Each structure stands twice: as C-alpha cells, then as structure tokens.
C-alpha atoms as a PDB file:
ATOM      1  CA  MET A   1     -28.454 -15.476  -2.807  1.00  0.00           C
ATOM      2  CA  ARG A   2     -31.644 -14.885  -0.677  1.00  0.00           C
ATOM      3  CA  ARG A   3     -30.244 -11.282   0.147  1.00  0.00           C
ATOM      4  CA  TRP A   4     -29.566 -10.664  -3.211  1.00  0.00           C
ATOM      5  CA  LEU A   5     -32.967 -11.150  -4.723  1.00  0.00           C
ATOM      6  CA  LEU A   6     -34.342  -9.183  -2.155  1.00  0.00           C
ATOM      7  CA  SER A   7     -31.665  -6.277  -2.843  1.00  0.00           C
ATOM      8  CA  LEU A   8     -33.036  -6.444  -6.315  1.00  0.00           C
ATOM      9  CA  SER A   9     -36.115  -6.630  -5.427  1.00  0.00           C
ATOM     10  CA  VAL A  10     -35.984  -3.884  -2.941  1.00  0.00           C
ATOM     11  CA  ALA A  11     -33.641  -1.563  -5.616  1.00  0.00           C
ATOM     12  CA  LEU A  12     -36.581  -1.684  -8.238  1.00  0.00           C
ATOM     13  CA  ILE A  13     -39.251  -0.725  -5.856  1.00  0.00           C
ATOM     14  CA  ALA A  14     -37.078   2.280  -5.476  1.00  0.00           C
ATOM     15  CA  TYR A  15     -37.278   3.044  -9.217  1.00  0.00           C
ATOM     16  CA  LEU A  16     -40.351   3.250  -8.956  1.00  0.00           C
ATOM     17  CA  ALA A  17     -40.812   5.346  -6.377  1.00  0.00           C
ATOM     18  CA  GLY A  18     -37.494   7.758  -7.092  1.00  0.00           C
ATOM     19  CA  ALA A  19     -38.549   7.764 -10.656  1.00  0.00           C
ATOM     20  CA  PHE A  20     -42.232   8.749 -10.269  1.00  0.00           C
ATOM     21  CA  GLY A  21     -41.827  11.100  -7.524  1.00  0.00           C
ATOM     22  CA  GLY A  22     -39.111  12.397  -8.597  1.00  0.00           C
ATOM     23  CA  GLY A  23     -40.959  13.315 -12.226  1.00  0.00           C
ATOM     24  CA  ALA A  24     -44.213  14.772  -9.523  1.00  0.00           C
ATOM     25  CA  LEU A  25     -41.590  17.027  -7.720  1.00  0.00           C
ATOM     26  CA  LEU A  26     -40.151  18.558 -11.149  1.00  0.00           C
ATOM     27  CA  LEU A  27     -43.369  19.005 -12.444  1.00  0.00           C
ATOM     28  CA  GLN A  28     -44.578  21.211  -9.309  1.00  0.00           C
ATOM     29  CA  PHE A  29     -40.544  22.915  -8.889  1.00  0.00           C
ATOM     30  CA  SER A  30     -39.768  22.561 -12.597  1.00  0.00           C
ATOM     31  CA  PRO A  31     -39.176  27.032 -13.870  1.00  0.00           C
ATOM     32  CA  ASN A  32     -39.578  25.547 -17.292  1.00  0.00           C
ATOM     33  CA  ALA A  33     -42.450  26.274 -19.311  1.00  0.00           C
ATOM     34  CA  HIS A  34     -42.080  24.998 -22.513  1.00  0.00           C
ATOM     35  CA  ASP A  35     -41.488  21.074 -22.221  1.00  0.00           C
ATOM     36  CA  ARG A  36     -42.073  20.559 -18.532  1.00  0.00           C
ATOM     37  CA  SER A  37     -43.609  16.805 -18.773  1.00  0.00           C
ATOM     38  CA  LEU A  38     -40.848  15.926 -20.597  1.00  0.00           C
ATOM     39  CA  GLU A  39     -38.024  17.031 -18.445  1.00  0.00           C
ATOM     40  CA  ALA A  40     -40.273  15.338 -15.677  1.00  0.00           C
ATOM     41  CA  ALA A  41     -40.241  12.200 -17.084  1.00  0.00           C
ATOM     42  CA  MET A  42     -36.809  12.227 -18.400  1.00  0.00           C
ATOM     43  CA  THR A  43     -35.123  13.486 -14.900  1.00  0.00           C
ATOM     44  CA  GLY A  44     -37.385  10.818 -13.076  1.00  0.00           C
ATOM     45  CA  ALA A  45     -36.536   7.934 -15.249  1.00  0.00           C
ATOM     46  CA  PHE A  46     -32.412   9.130 -15.923  1.00  0.00           C
ATOM     47  CA  VAL A  47     -31.770  10.361 -12.320  1.00  0.00           C
ATOM     48  CA  PHE A  48     -34.303  10.468 -10.008  1.00  0.00           C
ATOM     49  CA  GLY A  49     -34.668   6.699 -10.657  1.00  0.00           C
ATOM     50  CA  PRO A  50     -31.624   5.460 -10.731  1.00  0.00           C
ATOM     51  CA  ALA A  51     -30.075   7.360  -8.053  1.00  0.00           C
ATOM     52  CA  ALA A  52     -32.608   5.588  -6.132  1.00  0.00           C
ATOM     53  CA  ALA A  53     -32.105   2.551  -6.818  1.00  0.00           C
ATOM     54  CA  ILE A  54     -28.688   2.603  -5.869  1.00  0.00           C
ATOM     55  CA  ALA A  55     -29.400   3.910  -2.393  1.00  0.00           C
ATOM     56  CA  GLY A  56     -32.529   1.350  -1.430  1.00  0.00           C
ATOM     57  CA  PHE A  57     -30.480  -1.441  -3.301  1.00  0.00           C
ATOM     58  CA  LEU A  58     -27.479  -0.609  -1.179  1.00  0.00           C
ATOM     59  CA  ILE A  59     -29.708  -0.341   2.456  1.00  0.00           C
ATOM     60  CA  ALA A  60     -30.923  -3.406   1.620  1.00  0.00           C
ATOM     61  CA  TYR A  61     -27.874  -5.427   1.138  1.00  0.00           C
ATOM     62  CA  LEU A  62     -25.957  -3.944   4.174  1.00  0.00           C
ATOM     63  CA  ARG A  63     -29.113  -4.948   6.150  1.00  0.00           C
ATOM     64  CA  ALA A  64     -29.678  -8.074   5.287  1.00  0.00           C
ATOM     65  CA  GLY A  65     -25.986  -8.983   6.171  1.00  0.00           C
ATOM     66  CA  ARG A  66     -25.845  -8.005   9.464  1.00  0.00           C
ATOM     67  CA  ARG A  67     -29.304  -9.398  10.162  1.00  0.00           C
ATOM     68  CA  GLY A  68     -28.326 -13.083   8.600  1.00  0.00           C
ATOM     69  CA  ALA A  69     -24.359 -11.886  10.785  1.00  0.00           C
ATOM     70  CA  ARG A  70     -27.107 -11.937  14.388  1.00  0.00           C
ATOM     71  CA  HIS A  71     -28.955 -15.846  13.538  1.00  0.00           C
ATOM     72  CA  THR A  72     -25.560 -17.368  13.170  1.00  0.00           C
ATOM     73  CA  ASP A  73     -24.310 -16.139  16.553  1.00  0.00           C
END
C-alpha cells in the first residue's frame, strides 16, 4: 500500500511539472501566433502532463519495489 501511495504522489507531482513545464516550452517555441496560449494550455494539460505522470508513476513504482526487495534479503 505504501508503494502505491508513493507512486501516486510522485505521479501527481510529475503531472504538474509536465503540464506547466510543457506549456511553458510550447509558449517559447510554438510558431502559432493566433492562439498560442490556448495551444500551450491544452497541450500541457492533455499531452505533456499525462505523459510525465505515467513516466513518474512507473519509475517510482519500480524503484520502490526494488528498494523493498533489498530490505527483505
């Protein structure tokens, strides 16, 4: 249960970092001049955020599992 909660909290933090970071990157590098802020917000929330959350969850889950396996030896 602890492993699961740790992974979910890391996923939440990773989502926020991915959404805001991806949106900021898109604002800097997007050639779209018409609705750049909307494009950055939607892409951050629906592409970069979920991708970072999935990656963060998997990394935290796998690392927590390895750490727990070492302590039982």
